[in-house]
C-alpha atoms as a PDB file:
ATOM      1  CA  MET A   1     427.733  21.254  57.285  1.00  0.00           C
ATOM      2  CA  ARG A   2     431.532  21.230  57.125  1.00  0.00           C
ATOM      3  CA  SER A   3     433.706  23.326  54.807  1.00  0.00           C
ATOM      4  CA  PHE A   4     434.361  21.563  51.489  1.00  0.00           C
ATOM      5  CA  GLN A   5     431.725  18.927  52.247  1.00  0.00           C
ATOM      6  CA  LYS A   6     430.144  17.512  49.110  1.00  0.00           C
ATOM      7  CA  ILE A   7     426.390  17.777  48.817  1.00  0.00           C
ATOM      8  CA  ASP A   8     423.925  16.247  46.399  1.00  0.00           C
ATOM      9  CA  VAL A   9     421.604  18.551  44.513  1.00  0.00           C
ATOM     10  CA  LEU A  10     418.627  17.605  42.372  1.00  0.00           C
ATOM     11  CA  CYS A  11     418.454  20.641  40.131  1.00  0.00           C
ATOM     12  CA  LYS A  12     419.073  24.373  39.774  1.00  0.00           C
ATOM     13  CA  LEU A  13     416.493  27.139  39.632  1.00  0.00           C
ATOM     14  CA  GLU A  14     416.961  30.645  38.285  1.00  0.00           C
ATOM     15  CA  SER A  15     415.725  33.184  40.802  1.00  0.00           C
ATOM     16  CA  PRO A  16     412.515  34.857  39.640  1.00  0.00           C
ATOM     17  CA  ILE A  17     413.348  37.962  41.688  1.00  0.00           C
ATOM     18  CA  PRO A  18     415.638  40.467  39.906  1.00  0.00           C
ATOM     19  CA  GLY A  19     418.776  41.121  41.937  1.00  0.00           C
ATOM     20  CA  SER A  20     418.160  38.178  44.257  1.00  0.00           C
ATOM     21  CA  PRO A  21     420.406  36.779  45.515  1.00  0.00           C
ATOM     22  CA  SER A  22     422.674  39.790  45.513  1.00  0.00           C
ATOM     23  CA  VAL A  23     425.483  37.842  43.811  1.00  0.00           C
ATOM     24  CA  GLY A  24     424.539  35.177  41.302  1.00  0.00           C
ATOM     25  CA  ARG A  25     421.075  34.207  40.280  1.00  0.00           C
ATOM     26  CA  TYR A  26     420.772  30.425  40.663  1.00  0.00           C
ATOM     27  CA  TRP A  27     419.631  28.268  43.554  1.00  0.00           C
ATOM     28  CA  TYR A  28     420.204  24.520  44.107  1.00  0.00           C
ATOM     29  CA  LEU A  29     417.603  22.120  45.490  1.00  0.00           C
ATOM     30  CA  VAL A  30     419.621  20.153  48.063  1.00  0.00           C
ATOM     31  CA  VAL A  31     418.761  16.474  48.475  1.00  0.00           C
ATOM     32  CA  SER A  32     421.563  15.492  50.878  1.00  0.00           C
ATOM     33  CA  ALA A  33     420.496  14.623  54.428  1.00  0.00           C
ATOM     34  CA  PRO A  34     419.054  16.261  56.412  1.00  0.00           C
ATOM     35  CA  TRP A  35     417.556  18.590  53.778  1.00  0.00           C
ATOM     36  CA  GLY A  36     415.948  15.843  51.677  1.00  0.00           C
ATOM     37  CA  GLY A  37     414.849  18.014  48.755  1.00  0.00           C
ATOM     38  CA  ARG A  38     412.927  20.476  50.912  1.00  0.00           C
ATOM     39  CA  TYR A  39     415.315  23.444  50.745  1.00  0.00           C
ATOM     40  CA  PHE A  40     417.031  25.604  48.160  1.00  0.00           C
ATOM     41  CA  THR A  41     420.428  27.216  48.682  1.00  0.00           C
ATOM     42  CA  ILE A  42     422.304  29.887  46.709  1.00  0.00           C
ATOM     43  CA  ALA A  43     424.423  28.141  44.063  1.00  0.00           C
ATOM     44  CA  ASN A  44     427.383  30.491  44.248  1.00  0.00           C
ATOM     45  CA  SER A  45     427.954  29.428  47.883  1.00  0.00           C
ATOM     46  CA  TYR A  46     429.660  26.303  46.541  1.00  0.00           C
ATOM     47  CA  LEU A  47     432.818  25.557  44.562  1.00  0.00           C
ATOM     48  CA  ASN A  48     430.855  24.416  41.484  1.00  0.00           C
ATOM     49  CA  GLY A  49     433.832  22.491  40.130  1.00  0.00           C
ATOM     50  CA  ASP A  50     436.463  25.076  41.124  1.00  0.00           C
ATOM     51  CA  SER A  51     439.464  23.858  43.117  1.00  0.00           C
ATOM     52  CA  PRO A  52     439.429  24.461  46.880  1.00  0.00           C
ATOM     53  CA  ASP A  53     443.187  25.088  46.638  1.00  0.00           C
ATOM     54  CA  PRO A  54     443.803  28.882  46.658  1.00  0.00           C
ATOM     55  CA  SER A  55     446.925  28.411  44.520  1.00  0.00           C
ATOM     56  CA  GLN A  56     444.658  27.092  41.736  1.00  0.00           C
ATOM     57  CA  GLY A  57     442.766  30.390  41.445  1.00  0.00           C
ATOM     58  CA  THR A  58     439.734  31.945  43.046  1.00  0.00           C
ATOM     59  CA  HIS A  59     436.205  30.642  43.408  1.00  0.00           C
ATOM     60  CA  GLU A  60     434.634  32.287  40.373  1.00  0.00           C
ATOM     61  CA  THR A  61     432.152  29.719  39.009  1.00  0.00           C
ATOM     62  CA  ALA A  62     428.686  30.902  40.046  1.00  0.00           C
ATOM     63  CA  VAL A  63     426.772  27.751  39.046  1.00  0.00           C
ATOM     64  CA  ASP A  64     427.587  24.233  37.879  1.00  0.00           C
ATOM     65  CA  VAL A  65     426.048  24.103  34.388  1.00  0.00           C
ATOM     66  CA  ARG A  66     426.009  20.280  34.567  1.00  0.00           C
ATOM     67  CA  VAL A  67     423.220  20.470  37.149  1.00  0.00           C
ATOM     68  CA  PRO A  68     419.858  20.144  35.355  1.00  0.00           C
ATOM     69  CA  ASP A  69     417.203  22.843  35.548  1.00  0.00           C
ATOM     70  CA  CYS A  70     414.285  22.248  37.902  1.00  0.00           C
END
């Protein structure tokens, strides 16, 4: 996966484990190839609508609320 590459996600899941992941608490189910809906990834690893341009602020959005719950 390349930096700033767009991915498709099916839904978000709140982690059932307190304190996991260490920052943020949501996971995305990734449907983009090659993952095909078989893997979850930590939501705060992505821009979630924030600008990739550092002059526009920092990456602070932990989860995209427009993504439906699983």
